[in-house]
Amino acid sequence: METLGKILIGLIALEHIYILYLEMFAWETKGKETFKGSLAPELFGPTKTLAANQGLYNGFLAAGLIWTLFIEDPNWSFYIAVFFLTCVMVAGIYGASTASKKIFFVQALPAIVALVVLHVR
C-alpha cells in the first residue's frame, strides 16, 4: 500500500504540474480548449494574469506532494502528504461547487483515493 500511495501522490503532483502549465503558460491556447465552457472565449485574454496566479498555487501543491516523496521519516512524510492531499481535495471540492462539477472527478476524487490508501497502511 505504501508504494501505491507514493504512485498516487506522484500522479496527482504531475496533474498539478500540468495544471500549472495550462494556467501559467498556455492559458489562451491549450487552456482555452481545456476549460472550454467554464469561461467565455473572449475572457481568456483579460484573465491571463489571474490564471497564472492560480497556476502558481497549483505548482505549490505539486511541490509539496513531490517533497513528501523525498522525506525519509515515514511519519513526517505521511503527515505532510495528508496535508497537501487535503489541500488538493478541498480545492477540488470548492472548484466543483463553484466552477464545474468535472473538477471533483479530476482533482478532488484522486486526492480522496490517495488519502484512503495512505490511511490503510
PDB file of N, CA and C in Angstrom:
ATOM      1  N   MET A   1       0.818  -1.200   0.000  1.00  0.00           N
ATOM      2  CA  MET A   1       0.000   0.000   0.000  1.00  0.00           C
ATOM      3  C   MET A   1       0.862   1.263   0.000  1.00  0.00           C
ATOM      4  N   GLU A   2       2.027   1.172   0.634  1.00  0.00           N
ATOM      5  CA  GLU A   2       2.898   2.351   0.670  1.00  0.00           C
ATOM      6  C   GLU A   2       3.340   2.740  -0.737  1.00  0.00           C
ATOM      7  N   THR A   3       3.677   1.737  -1.550  1.00  0.00           N
ATOM      8  CA  THR A   3       4.095   2.011  -2.928  1.00  0.00           C
ATOM      9  C   THR A   3       2.942   2.606  -3.732  1.00  0.00           C
ATOM     10  N   LEU A   4       1.752   2.065  -3.571  1.00  0.00           N
ATOM     11  CA  LEU A   4       0.582   2.595  -4.273  1.00  0.00           C
ATOM     12  C   LEU A   4       0.320   4.043  -3.861  1.00  0.00           C
ATOM     13  N   GLY A   5       0.465   4.336  -2.575  1.00  0.00           N
ATOM     14  CA  GLY A   5       0.281   5.706  -2.094  1.00  0.00           C
ATOM     15  C   GLY A   5       1.268   6.656  -2.746  1.00  0.00           C
ATOM     16  N   LYS A   6       2.529   6.241  -2.846  1.00  0.00           N
ATOM     17  CA  LYS A   6       3.553   7.092  -3.472  1.00  0.00           C
ATOM     18  C   LYS A   6       3.271   7.284  -4.966  1.00  0.00           C
ATOM     19  N   ILE A   7       2.798   6.243  -5.624  1.00  0.00           N
ATOM     20  CA  ILE A   7       2.451   6.357  -7.049  1.00  0.00           C
ATOM     21  C   ILE A   7       1.308   7.361  -7.224  1.00  0.00           C
ATOM     22  N   LEU A   8       0.282   7.255  -6.390  1.00  0.00           N
ATOM     23  CA  LEU A   8      -0.864   8.176  -6.479  1.00  0.00           C
ATOM     24  C   LEU A   8      -0.428   9.614  -6.195  1.00  0.00           C
ATOM     25  N   ILE A   9       0.419   9.794  -5.191  1.00  0.00           N
ATOM     26  CA  ILE A   9       0.931  11.134  -4.879  1.00  0.00           C
ATOM     27  C   ILE A   9       1.690  11.682  -6.087  1.00  0.00           C
ATOM     28  N   GLY A  10       2.529  10.847  -6.694  1.00  0.00           N
ATOM     29  CA  GLY A  10       3.284  11.279  -7.876  1.00  0.00           C
ATOM     30  C   GLY A  10       2.382  11.660  -9.035  1.00  0.00           C
ATOM     31  N   LEU A  11       1.348  10.870  -9.263  1.00  0.00           N
ATOM     32  CA  LEU A  11       0.406  11.174 -10.359  1.00  0.00           C
ATOM     33  C   LEU A  11      -0.364  12.465 -10.100  1.00  0.00           C
ATOM     34  N   ILE A  12      -0.783  12.664  -8.864  1.00  0.00           N
ATOM     35  CA  ILE A  12      -1.508  13.891  -8.527  1.00  0.00           C
ATOM     36  C   ILE A  12      -0.576  15.093  -8.668  1.00  0.00           C
ATOM     37  N   ALA A  13       0.686  14.937  -8.260  1.00  0.00           N
ATOM     38  CA  ALA A  13       1.664  16.022  -8.430  1.00  0.00           C
ATOM     39  C   ALA A  13       1.853  16.342  -9.913  1.00  0.00           C
ATOM     40  N   LEU A  14       1.957  15.312 -10.744  1.00  0.00           N
ATOM     41  CA  LEU A  14       2.092  15.535 -12.192  1.00  0.00           C
ATOM     42  C   LEU A  14       0.869  16.256 -12.756  1.00  0.00           C
ATOM     43  N   GLU A  15      -0.296  15.882 -12.283  1.00  0.00           N
ATOM     44  CA  GLU A  15      -1.524  16.557 -12.730  1.00  0.00           C
ATOM     45  C   GLU A  15      -1.461  18.054 -12.397  1.00  0.00           C
ATOM     46  N   HIS A  16      -0.966  18.371 -11.220  1.00  0.00           N
ATOM     47  CA  HIS A  16      -0.905  19.781 -10.822  1.00  0.00           C
ATOM     48  C   HIS A  16       0.212  20.536 -11.538  1.00  0.00           C
ATOM     49  N   ILE A  17       1.247  19.840 -11.926  1.00  0.00           N
ATOM     50  CA  ILE A  17       2.269  20.477 -12.775  1.00  0.00           C
ATOM     51  C   ILE A  17       1.658  20.796 -14.137  1.00  0.00           C
ATOM     52  N   TYR A  18       0.834  19.891 -14.646  1.00  0.00           N
ATOM     53  CA  TYR A  18       0.158  20.139 -15.924  1.00  0.00           C
ATOM     54  C   TYR A  18      -0.818  21.312 -15.804  1.00  0.00           C
ATOM     55  N   ILE A  19      -1.554  21.371 -14.697  1.00  0.00           N
ATOM     56  CA  ILE A  19      -2.467  22.497 -14.488  1.00  0.00           C
ATOM     57  C   ILE A  19      -1.669  23.797 -14.402  1.00  0.00           C
ATOM     58  N   LEU A  20      -0.516  23.767 -13.715  1.00  0.00           N
ATOM     59  CA  LEU A  20       0.364  24.941 -13.670  1.00  0.00           C
ATOM     60  C   LEU A  20       0.713  25.378 -15.079  1.00  0.00           C
ATOM     61  N   TYR A  21       1.123  24.426 -15.916  1.00  0.00           N
ATOM     62  CA  TYR A  21       1.475  24.745 -17.304  1.00  0.00           C
ATOM     63  C   TYR A  21       0.300  25.398 -18.035  1.00  0.00           C
ATOM     64  N   LEU A  22      -0.878  24.784 -17.923  1.00  0.00           N
ATOM     65  CA  LEU A  22      -2.058  25.329 -18.615  1.00  0.00           C
ATOM     66  C   LEU A  22      -2.372  26.742 -18.161  1.00  0.00           C
ATOM     67  N   GLU A  23      -2.349  26.957 -16.867  1.00  0.00           N
ATOM     68  CA  GLU A  23      -2.789  28.245 -16.341  1.00  0.00           C
ATOM     69  C   GLU A  23      -1.719  29.331 -16.450  1.00  0.00           C
ATOM     70  N   MET A  24      -0.449  28.957 -16.391  1.00  0.00           N
ATOM     71  CA  MET A  24       0.612  29.972 -16.424  1.00  0.00           C
ATOM     72  C   MET A  24       1.150  30.242 -17.828  1.00  0.00           C
ATOM     73  N   PHE A  25       1.194  29.219 -18.672  1.00  0.00           N
ATOM     74  CA  PHE A  25       1.895  29.360 -19.943  1.00  0.00           C
ATOM     75  C   PHE A  25       1.033  29.106 -21.181  1.00  0.00           C
ATOM     76  N   ALA A  26      -0.113  28.457 -21.014  1.00  0.00           N
ATOM     77  CA  ALA A  26      -0.924  28.117 -22.182  1.00  0.00           C
ATOM     78  C   ALA A  26      -2.390  28.496 -21.989  1.00  0.00           C
ATOM     79  N   TRP A  27      -2.629  29.515 -21.184  1.00  0.00           N
ATOM     80  CA  TRP A  27      -4.000  29.901 -20.845  1.00  0.00           C
ATOM     81  C   TRP A  27      -4.831  30.259 -22.070  1.00  0.00           C
ATOM     82  N   GLU A  28      -4.240  30.982 -23.011  1.00  0.00           N
ATOM     83  CA  GLU A  28      -5.003  31.447 -24.170  1.00  0.00           C
ATOM     84  C   GLU A  28      -4.994  30.456 -25.337  1.00  0.00           C
ATOM     85  N   THR A  29      -4.282  29.355 -25.206  1.00  0.00           N
ATOM     86  CA  THR A  29      -4.255  28.348 -26.274  1.00  0.00           C
ATOM     87  C   THR A  29      -4.844  27.032 -25.755  1.00  0.00           C
ATOM     88  N   LYS A  30      -4.018  26.193 -25.197  1.00  0.00           N
ATOM     89  CA  LYS A  30      -4.459  24.894 -24.679  1.00  0.00           C
ATOM     90  C   LYS A  30      -5.424  25.067 -23.496  1.00  0.00           C
ATOM     91  N   GLY A  31      -5.196  26.099 -22.696  1.00  0.00           N
ATOM     92  CA  GLY A  31      -6.103  26.376 -21.577  1.00  0.00           C
ATOM     93  C   GLY A  31      -7.508  26.670 -22.049  1.00  0.00           C
ATOM     94  N   LYS A  32      -7.610  27.409 -23.150  1.00  0.00           N
ATOM     95  CA  LYS A  32      -8.918  27.744 -23.713  1.00  0.00           C
ATOM     96  C   LYS A  32      -9.658  26.478 -24.150  1.00  0.00           C
ATOM     97  N   GLU A  33      -8.925  25.512 -24.694  1.00  0.00           N
ATOM     98  CA  GLU A  33      -9.528  24.227 -25.082  1.00  0.00           C
ATOM     99  C   GLU A  33      -9.948  23.424 -23.857  1.00  0.00           C
ATOM    100  N   THR A  34      -9.041  23.338 -22.898  1.00  0.00           N
ATOM    101  CA  THR A  34      -9.259  22.507 -21.717  1.00  0.00           C
ATOM    102  C   THR A  34     -10.413  23.019 -20.867  1.00  0.00           C
ATOM    103  N   PHE A  35     -10.495  24.328 -20.681  1.00  0.00           N
ATOM    104  CA  PHE A  35     -11.507  24.918 -19.815  1.00  0.00           C
ATOM    105  C   PHE A  35     -12.687  25.478 -20.601  1.00  0.00           C
ATOM    106  N   LYS A  36     -12.855  24.989 -21.837  1.00  0.00           N
ATOM    107  CA  LYS A  36     -13.963  25.444 -22.685  1.00  0.00           C
ATOM    108  C   LYS A  36     -15.294  25.225 -21.960  1.00  0.00           C
ATOM    109  N   GLY A  37     -16.122  26.231 -22.001  1.00  0.00           N
ATOM    110  CA  GLY A  37     -17.425  26.126 -21.360  1.00  0.00           C
ATOM    111  C   GLY A  37     -17.458  26.713 -19.960  1.00  0.00           C
ATOM    112  N   SER A  38     -16.316  26.755 -19.299  1.00  0.00           N
ATOM    113  CA  SER A  38     -16.307  27.322 -17.952  1.00  0.00           C
ATOM    114  C   SER A  38     -16.025  28.818 -17.968  1.00  0.00           C
ATOM    115  N   LEU A  39     -15.592  29.325 -19.124  1.00  0.00           N
ATOM    116  CA  LEU A  39     -15.295  30.747 -19.262  1.00  0.00           C
ATOM    117  C   LEU A  39     -15.544  31.140 -20.711  1.00  0.00           C
ATOM    118  N   ALA A  40     -16.153  32.278 -20.921  1.00  0.00           N
ATOM    119  CA  ALA A  40     -16.403  32.751 -22.284  1.00  0.00           C
ATOM    120  C   ALA A  40     -15.070  32.944 -23.013  1.00  0.00           C
ATOM    121  N   PRO A  41     -14.977  32.549 -24.275  1.00  0.00           N
ATOM    122  CA  PRO A  41     -13.709  32.626 -25.022  1.00  0.00           C
ATOM    123  C   PRO A  41     -13.043  34.003 -24.986  1.00  0.00           C
ATOM    124  N   GLU A  42     -13.841  35.053 -25.010  1.00  0.00           N
ATOM    125  CA  GLU A  42     -13.252  36.396 -25.025  1.00  0.00           C
ATOM    126  C   GLU A  42     -12.670  36.812 -23.667  1.00  0.00           C
ATOM    127  N   LEU A  43     -12.884  36.011 -22.623  1.00  0.00           N
ATOM    128  CA  LEU A  43     -12.366  36.354 -21.303  1.00  0.00           C
ATOM    129  C   LEU A  43     -11.001  35.736 -20.996  1.00  0.00           C
ATOM    130  N   PHE A  44     -10.515  34.861 -21.874  1.00  0.00           N
ATOM    131  CA  PHE A  44      -9.219  34.225 -21.595  1.00  0.00           C
ATOM    132  C   PHE A  44      -8.076  35.236 -21.630  1.00  0.00           C
ATOM    133  N   GLY A  45      -8.108  36.182 -22.539  1.00  0.00           N
ATOM    134  CA  GLY A  45      -7.068  37.214 -22.594  1.00  0.00           C
ATOM    135  C   GLY A  45      -7.041  38.086 -21.349  1.00  0.00           C
ATOM    136  N   PRO A  46      -8.181  38.674 -20.987  1.00  0.00           N
ATOM    137  CA  PRO A  46      -8.199  39.552 -19.812  1.00  0.00           C
ATOM    138  C   PRO A  46      -7.933  38.844 -18.481  1.00  0.00           C
ATOM    139  N   THR A  47      -8.134  37.526 -18.441  1.00  0.00           N
ATOM    140  CA  THR A  47      -7.935  36.799 -17.179  1.00  0.00           C
ATOM    141  C   THR A  47      -6.595  36.058 -17.126  1.00  0.00           C
ATOM    142  N   LYS A  48      -5.723  36.335 -18.071  1.00  0.00           N
ATOM    143  CA  LYS A  48      -4.438  35.631 -18.148  1.00  0.00           C
ATOM    144  C   LYS A  48      -3.626  35.752 -16.847  1.00  0.00           C
ATOM    145  N   THR A  49      -3.561  36.941 -16.280  1.00  0.00           N
ATOM    146  CA  THR A  49      -2.791  37.148 -15.054  1.00  0.00           C
ATOM    147  C   THR A  49      -3.421  36.405 -13.876  1.00  0.00           C
ATOM    148  N   LEU A  50      -4.739  36.415 -13.791  1.00  0.00           N
ATOM    149  CA  LEU A  50      -5.419  35.681 -12.724  1.00  0.00           C
ATOM    150  C   LEU A  50      -5.167  34.180 -12.845  1.00  0.00           C
ATOM    151  N   ALA A  51      -5.227  33.669 -14.071  1.00  0.00           N
ATOM    152  CA  ALA A  51      -4.983  32.250 -14.300  1.00  0.00           C
ATOM    153  C   ALA A  51      -3.548  31.878 -13.933  1.00  0.00           C
ATOM    154  N   ALA A  52      -2.600  32.744 -14.266  1.00  0.00           N
ATOM    155  CA  ALA A  52      -1.199  32.486 -13.924  1.00  0.00           C
ATOM    156  C   ALA A  52      -1.022  32.405 -12.411  1.00  0.00           C
ATOM    157  N   ASN A  53      -1.736  33.240 -11.681  1.00  0.00           N
ATOM    158  CA  ASN A  53      -1.684  33.196 -10.222  1.00  0.00           C
ATOM    159  C   ASN A  53      -2.221  31.860  -9.708  1.00  0.00           C
ATOM    160  N   GLN A  54      -3.329  31.413 -10.271  1.00  0.00           N
ATOM    161  CA  GLN A  54      -3.883  30.107  -9.908  1.00  0.00           C
ATOM    162  C   GLN A  54      -2.886  29.005 -10.237  1.00  0.00           C
ATOM    163  N   GLY A  55      -2.250  29.119 -11.380  1.00  0.00           N
ATOM    164  CA  GLY A  55      -1.259  28.119 -11.782  1.00  0.00           C
ATOM    165  C   GLY A  55      -0.117  28.023 -10.795  1.00  0.00           C
ATOM    166  N   LEU A  56       0.304  29.163 -10.292  1.00  0.00           N
ATOM    167  CA  LEU A  56       1.382  29.181  -9.303  1.00  0.00           C
ATOM    168  C   LEU A  56       0.973  28.403  -8.059  1.00  0.00           C
ATOM    169  N   TYR A  57      -0.251  28.579  -7.606  1.00  0.00           N
ATOM    170  CA  TYR A  57      -0.730  27.835  -6.443  1.00  0.00           C
ATOM    171  C   TYR A  57      -0.771  26.328  -6.724  1.00  0.00           C
ATOM    172  N   ASN A  58      -1.152  25.952  -7.931  1.00  0.00           N
ATOM    173  CA  ASN A  58      -1.122  24.535  -8.293  1.00  0.00           C
ATOM    174  C   ASN A  58       0.302  24.003  -8.269  1.00  0.00           C
ATOM    175  N   GLY A  59       1.246  24.848  -8.665  1.00  0.00           N
ATOM    176  CA  GLY A  59       2.655  24.462  -8.588  1.00  0.00           C
ATOM    177  C   GLY A  59       3.103  24.235  -7.158  1.00  0.00           C
ATOM    178  N   PHE A  60       2.621  25.068  -6.228  1.00  0.00           N
ATOM    179  CA  PHE A  60       2.961  24.871  -4.819  1.00  0.00           C
ATOM    180  C   PHE A  60       2.399  23.545  -4.299  1.00  0.00           C
ATOM    181  N   LEU A  61       1.187  23.202  -4.725  1.00  0.00           N
ATOM    182  CA  LEU A  61       0.619  21.911  -4.328  1.00  0.00           C
ATOM    183  C   LEU A  61       1.470  20.762  -4.862  1.00  0.00           C
ATOM    184  N   ALA A  62       1.867  20.866  -6.124  1.00  0.00           N
ATOM    185  CA  ALA A  62       2.717  19.827  -6.721  1.00  0.00           C
ATOM    186  C   ALA A  62       4.051  19.733  -5.990  1.00  0.00           C
ATOM    187  N   ALA A  63       4.652  20.873  -5.677  1.00  0.00           N
ATOM    188  CA  ALA A  63       5.943  20.870  -4.979  1.00  0.00           C
ATOM    189  C   ALA A  63       5.821  20.201  -3.612  1.00  0.00           C
ATOM    190  N   GLY A  64       4.751  20.500  -2.896  1.00  0.00           N
ATOM    191  CA  GLY A  64       4.550  19.878  -1.594  1.00  0.00           C
ATOM    192  C   GLY A  64       4.370  18.379  -1.693  1.00  0.00           C
ATOM    193  N   LEU A  65       3.617  17.940  -2.695  1.00  0.00           N
ATOM    194  CA  LEU A  65       3.420  16.496  -2.876  1.00  0.00           C
ATOM    195  C   LEU A  65       4.722  15.807  -3.272  1.00  0.00           C
ATOM    196  N   ILE A  66       5.476  16.419  -4.148  1.00  0.00           N
ATOM    197  CA  ILE A  66       6.767  15.840  -4.555  1.00  0.00           C
ATOM    198  C   ILE A  66       7.713  15.788  -3.352  1.00  0.00           C
ATOM    199  N   TRP A  67       7.703  16.827  -2.544  1.00  0.00           N
ATOM    200  CA  TRP A  67       8.530  16.871  -1.343  1.00  0.00           C
ATOM    201  C   TRP A  67       8.293  15.643  -0.467  1.00  0.00           C
ATOM    202  N   THR A  68       7.027  15.231  -0.315  1.00  0.00           N
ATOM    203  CA  THR A  68       6.716  14.088   0.547  1.00  0.00           C
ATOM    204  C   THR A  68       7.392  12.810   0.071  1.00  0.00           C
ATOM    205  N   LEU A  69       7.677  12.716  -1.212  1.00  0.00           N
ATOM    206  CA  LEU A  69       8.315  11.508  -1.759  1.00  0.00           C
ATOM    207  C   LEU A  69       9.787  11.411  -1.363  1.00  0.00           C
ATOM    208  N   PHE A  70      10.365  12.516  -0.896  1.00  0.00           N
ATOM    209  CA  PHE A  70      11.783  12.545  -0.537  1.00  0.00           C
ATOM    210  C   PHE A  70      12.029  12.608   0.968  1.00  0.00           C
ATOM    211  N   ILE A  71      10.982  12.696   1.748  1.00  0.00           N
ATOM    212  CA  ILE A  71      11.127  12.732   3.205  1.00  0.00           C
ATOM    213  C   ILE A  71      11.372  11.299   3.682  1.00  0.00           C
ATOM    214  N   GLU A  72      12.459  11.092   4.389  1.00  0.00           N
ATOM    215  CA  GLU A  72      12.834   9.740   4.808  1.00  0.00           C
ATOM    216  C   GLU A  72      12.045   9.241   6.008  1.00  0.00           C
ATOM    217  N   ASP A  73      11.685  10.124   6.912  1.00  0.00           N
ATOM    218  CA  ASP A  73      10.923   9.706   8.088  1.00  0.00           C
ATOM    219  C   ASP A  73       9.488   9.387   7.668  1.00  0.00           C
ATOM    220  N   PRO A  74       9.040   8.136   7.824  1.00  0.00           N
ATOM    221  CA  PRO A  74       7.708   7.743   7.337  1.00  0.00           C
ATOM    222  C   PRO A  74       6.558   8.531   7.974  1.00  0.00           C
ATOM    223  N   ASN A  75       6.667   8.839   9.262  1.00  0.00           N
ATOM    224  CA  ASN A  75       5.589   9.598   9.916  1.00  0.00           C
ATOM    225  C   ASN A  75       5.517  11.018   9.389  1.00  0.00           C
ATOM    226  N   TRP A  76       6.655  11.672   9.279  1.00  0.00           N
ATOM    227  CA  TRP A  76       6.714  13.043   8.774  1.00  0.00           C
ATOM    228  C   TRP A  76       6.185  13.080   7.336  1.00  0.00           C
ATOM    229  N   SER A  77       6.620  12.135   6.507  1.00  0.00           N
ATOM    230  CA  SER A  77       6.165  12.061   5.120  1.00  0.00           C
ATOM    231  C   SER A  77       4.650  11.884   5.059  1.00  0.00           C
ATOM    232  N   PHE A  78       4.132  11.005   5.918  1.00  0.00           N
ATOM    233  CA  PHE A  78       2.689  10.750   5.963  1.00  0.00           C
ATOM    234  C   PHE A  78       1.917  12.027   6.284  1.00  0.00           C
ATOM    235  N   TYR A  79       2.336  12.735   7.322  1.00  0.00           N
ATOM    236  CA  TYR A  79       1.600  13.936   7.744  1.00  0.00           C
ATOM    237  C   TYR A  79       1.660  15.049   6.705  1.00  0.00           C
ATOM    238  N   ILE A  80       2.801  15.212   6.083  1.00  0.00           N
ATOM    239  CA  ILE A  80       2.918  16.248   5.046  1.00  0.00           C
ATOM    240  C   ILE A  80       2.069  15.859   3.833  1.00  0.00           C
ATOM    241  N   ALA A  81       2.093  14.573   3.470  1.00  0.00           N
ATOM    242  CA  ALA A  81       1.270  14.103   2.346  1.00  0.00           C
ATOM    243  C   ALA A  81      -0.215  14.321   2.638  1.00  0.00           C
ATOM    244  N   VAL A  82      -0.628  14.003   3.866  1.00  0.00           N
ATOM    245  CA  VAL A  82      -2.030  14.206   4.244  1.00  0.00           C
ATOM    246  C   VAL A  82      -2.396  15.686   4.130  1.00  0.00           C
ATOM    247  N   PHE A  83      -1.513  16.565   4.584  1.00  0.00           N
ATOM    248  CA  PHE A  83      -1.785  17.999   4.493  1.00  0.00           C
ATOM    249  C   PHE A  83      -1.987  18.433   3.040  1.00  0.00           C
ATOM    250  N   PHE A  84      -1.025  18.093   2.167  1.00  0.00           N
ATOM    251  CA  PHE A  84      -1.126  18.562   0.787  1.00  0.00           C
ATOM    252  C   PHE A  84      -2.263  17.881   0.027  1.00  0.00           C
ATOM    253  N   LEU A  85      -2.510  16.606   0.270  1.00  0.00           N
ATOM    254  CA  LEU A  85      -3.648  15.939  -0.378  1.00  0.00           C
ATOM    255  C   LEU A  85      -4.976  16.535   0.095  1.00  0.00           C
ATOM    256  N   THR A  86      -5.036  16.908   1.364  1.00  0.00           N
ATOM    257  CA  THR A  86      -6.249  17.551   1.873  1.00  0.00           C
ATOM    258  C   THR A  86      -6.443  18.917   1.213  1.00  0.00           C
ATOM    259  N   CYS A  87      -5.356  19.651   1.005  1.00  0.00           N
ATOM    260  CA  CYS A  87      -5.450  20.933   0.289  1.00  0.00           C
ATOM    261  C   CYS A  87      -5.990  20.713  -1.126  1.00  0.00           C
ATOM    262  N   VAL A  88      -5.477  19.693  -1.812  1.00  0.00           N
ATOM    263  CA  VAL A  88      -5.942  19.377  -3.167  1.00  0.00           C
ATOM    264  C   VAL A  88      -7.422  19.001  -3.131  1.00  0.00           C
ATOM    265  N   MET A  89      -7.804  18.179  -2.155  1.00  0.00           N
ATOM    266  CA  MET A  89      -9.193  17.749  -2.043  1.00  0.00           C
ATOM    267  C   MET A  89     -10.120  18.942  -1.811  1.00  0.00           C
ATOM    268  N   VAL A  90      -9.765  19.812  -0.883  1.00  0.00           N
ATOM    269  CA  VAL A  90     -10.595  20.979  -0.584  1.00  0.00           C
ATOM    270  C   VAL A  90     -10.697  21.886  -1.809  1.00  0.00           C
ATOM    271  N   ALA A  91      -9.575  22.110  -2.489  1.00  0.00           N
ATOM    272  CA  ALA A  91      -9.592  22.937  -3.704  1.00  0.00           C
ATOM    273  C   ALA A  91     -10.494  22.302  -4.762  1.00  0.00           C
ATOM    274  N   GLY A  92     -10.434  20.983  -4.890  1.00  0.00           N
ATOM    275  CA  GLY A  92     -11.269  20.287  -5.866  1.00  0.00           C
ATOM    276  C   GLY A  92     -12.746  20.357  -5.532  1.00  0.00           C
ATOM    277  N   ILE A  93     -13.070  20.221  -4.267  1.00  0.00           N
ATOM    278  CA  ILE A  93     -14.470  20.309  -3.842  1.00  0.00           C
ATOM    279  C   ILE A  93     -14.988  21.732  -4.042  1.00  0.00           C
ATOM    280  N   TYR A  94     -14.173  22.708  -3.684  1.00  0.00           N
ATOM    281  CA  TYR A  94     -14.577  24.105  -3.880  1.00  0.00           C
ATOM    282  C   TYR A  94     -14.750  24.408  -5.368  1.00  0.00           C
ATOM    283  N   GLY A  95     -13.808  23.961  -6.177  1.00  0.00           N
ATOM    284  CA  GLY A  95     -13.905  24.177  -7.624  1.00  0.00           C
ATOM    285  C   GLY A  95     -15.136  23.511  -8.215  1.00  0.00           C
ATOM    286  N   ALA A  96     -15.445  22.320  -7.731  1.00  0.00           N
ATOM    287  CA  ALA A  96     -16.621  21.605  -8.231  1.00  0.00           C
ATOM    288  C   ALA A  96     -17.909  22.316  -7.835  1.00  0.00           C
ATOM    289  N   SER A  97     -17.916  22.920  -6.664  1.00  0.00           N
ATOM    290  CA  SER A  97     -19.141  23.585  -6.213  1.00  0.00           C
ATOM    291  C   SER A  97     -19.297  24.989  -6.807  1.00  0.00           C
ATOM    292  N   THR A  98     -18.198  25.587  -7.273  1.00  0.00           N
ATOM    293  CA  THR A  98     -18.287  26.955  -7.775  1.00  0.00           C
ATOM    294  C   THR A  98     -18.067  27.095  -9.281  1.00  0.00           C
ATOM    295  N   ALA A  99     -17.312  26.179  -9.877  1.00  0.00           N
ATOM    296  CA  ALA A  99     -16.959  26.351 -11.290  1.00  0.00           C
ATOM    297  C   ALA A  99     -17.506  25.238 -12.174  1.00  0.00           C
ATOM    298  N   SER A 100     -17.110  23.990 -11.901  1.00  0.00           N
ATOM    299  CA  SER A 100     -17.512  22.877 -12.764  1.00  0.00           C
ATOM    300  C   SER A 100     -17.491  21.571 -11.970  1.00  0.00           C
ATOM    301  N   LYS A 101     -18.547  20.805 -12.083  1.00  0.00           N
ATOM    302  CA  LYS A 101     -18.632  19.509 -11.374  1.00  0.00           C
ATOM    303  C   LYS A 101     -17.487  18.580 -11.779  1.00  0.00           C
ATOM    304  N   LYS A 102     -16.995  18.736 -12.980  1.00  0.00           N
ATOM    305  CA  LYS A 102     -15.904  17.902 -13.501  1.00  0.00           C
ATOM    306  C   LYS A 102     -14.656  17.997 -12.606  1.00  0.00           C
ATOM    307  N   ILE A 103     -14.453  19.145 -11.977  1.00  0.00           N
ATOM    308  CA  ILE A 103     -13.279  19.345 -11.134  1.00  0.00           C
ATOM    309  C   ILE A 103     -13.255  18.352  -9.978  1.00  0.00           C
ATOM    310  N   PHE A 104     -14.425  17.966  -9.486  1.00  0.00           N
ATOM    311  CA  PHE A 104     -14.459  16.978  -8.403  1.00  0.00           C
ATOM    312  C   PHE A 104     -13.786  15.684  -8.847  1.00  0.00           C
ATOM    313  N   PHE A 105     -14.119  15.227 -10.029  1.00  0.00           N
ATOM    314  CA  PHE A 105     -13.605  13.943 -10.507  1.00  0.00           C
ATOM    315  C   PHE A 105     -12.143  14.014 -10.936  1.00  0.00           C
ATOM    316  N   VAL A 106     -11.732  15.175 -11.428  1.00  0.00           N
ATOM    317  CA  VAL A 106     -10.367  15.338 -11.922  1.00  0.00           C
ATOM    318  C   VAL A 106      -9.392  15.651 -10.781  1.00  0.00           C
ATOM    319  N   GLN A 107      -9.844  16.398  -9.785  1.00  0.00           N
ATOM    320  CA  GLN A 107      -8.935  16.885  -8.759  1.00  0.00           C
ATOM    321  C   GLN A 107      -9.232  16.298  -7.376  1.00  0.00           C
ATOM    322  N   ALA A 108     -10.460  16.420  -6.905  1.00  0.00           N
ATOM    323  CA  ALA A 108     -10.778  16.004  -5.532  1.00  0.00           C
ATOM    324  C   ALA A 108     -10.780  14.490  -5.367  1.00  0.00           C
ATOM    325  N   LEU A 109     -11.408  13.775  -6.281  1.00  0.00           N
ATOM    326  CA  LEU A 109     -11.525  12.324  -6.138  1.00  0.00           C
ATOM    327  C   LEU A 109     -10.168  11.612  -6.097  1.00  0.00           C
ATOM    328  N   PRO A 110      -9.211  11.950  -6.985  1.00  0.00           N
ATOM    329  CA  PRO A 110      -7.897  11.306  -6.863  1.00  0.00           C
ATOM    330  C   PRO A 110      -7.230  11.576  -5.501  1.00  0.00           C
ATOM    331  N   ALA A 111      -7.400  12.779  -4.972  1.00  0.00           N
ATOM    332  CA  ALA A 111      -6.828  13.102  -3.658  1.00  0.00           C
ATOM    333  C   ALA A 111      -7.515  12.285  -2.564  1.00  0.00           C
ATOM    334  N   ILE A 112      -8.817  12.129  -2.666  1.00  0.00           N
ATOM    335  CA  ILE A 112      -9.560  11.327  -1.684  1.00  0.00           C
ATOM    336  C   ILE A 112      -9.090   9.874  -1.725  1.00  0.00           C
ATOM    337  N   VAL A 113      -8.941   9.336  -2.924  1.00  0.00           N
ATOM    338  CA  VAL A 113      -8.468   7.947  -3.068  1.00  0.00           C
ATOM    339  C   VAL A 113      -7.068   7.809  -2.463  1.00  0.00           C
ATOM    340  N   ALA A 114      -6.186   8.757  -2.761  1.00  0.00           N
ATOM    341  CA  ALA A 114      -4.825   8.712  -2.214  1.00  0.00           C
ATOM    342  C   ALA A 114      -4.850   8.800  -0.687  1.00  0.00           C
ATOM    343  N   LEU A 115      -5.710   9.640  -0.134  1.00  0.00           N
ATOM    344  CA  LEU A 115      -5.822   9.746   1.325  1.00  0.00           C
ATOM    345  C   LEU A 115      -6.282   8.429   1.939  1.00  0.00           C
ATOM    346  N   VAL A 116      -7.238   7.786   1.300  1.00  0.00           N
ATOM    347  CA  VAL A 116      -7.716   6.486   1.797  1.00  0.00           C
ATOM    348  C   VAL A 116      -6.586   5.471   1.759  1.00  0.00           C
ATOM    349  N   VAL A 117      -5.872   5.424   0.645  1.00  0.00           N
ATOM    350  CA  VAL A 117      -4.763   4.473   0.507  1.00  0.00           C
ATOM    351  C   VAL A 117      -3.698   4.742   1.576  1.00  0.00           C
ATOM    352  N   LEU A 118      -3.370   6.006   1.819  1.00  0.00           N
ATOM    353  CA  LEU A 118      -2.371   6.331   2.832  1.00  0.00           C
ATOM    354  C   LEU A 118      -2.796   5.892   4.224  1.00  0.00           C
ATOM    355  N   HIS A 119      -4.090   5.962   4.497  1.00  0.00           N
ATOM    356  CA  HIS A 119      -4.571   5.598   5.833  1.00  0.00           C
ATOM    357  C   HIS A 119      -4.746   4.089   6.030  1.00  0.00           C
ATOM    358  N   VAL A 120      -4.652   3.323   4.950  1.00  0.00           N
ATOM    359  CA  VAL A 120      -4.760   1.858   5.050  1.00  0.00           C
ATOM    360  C   VAL A 120      -3.349   1.266   5.001  1.00  0.00           C
ATOM    361  N   ARG A 121      -2.528   1.687   5.919  1.00  0.00           N
ATOM    362  CA  ARG A 121      -1.159   1.176   5.888  1.00  0.00           C
ATOM    363  C   ARG A 121      -0.867   0.155   6.919  1.00  0.00           C
TER     364      ARG A 121
END
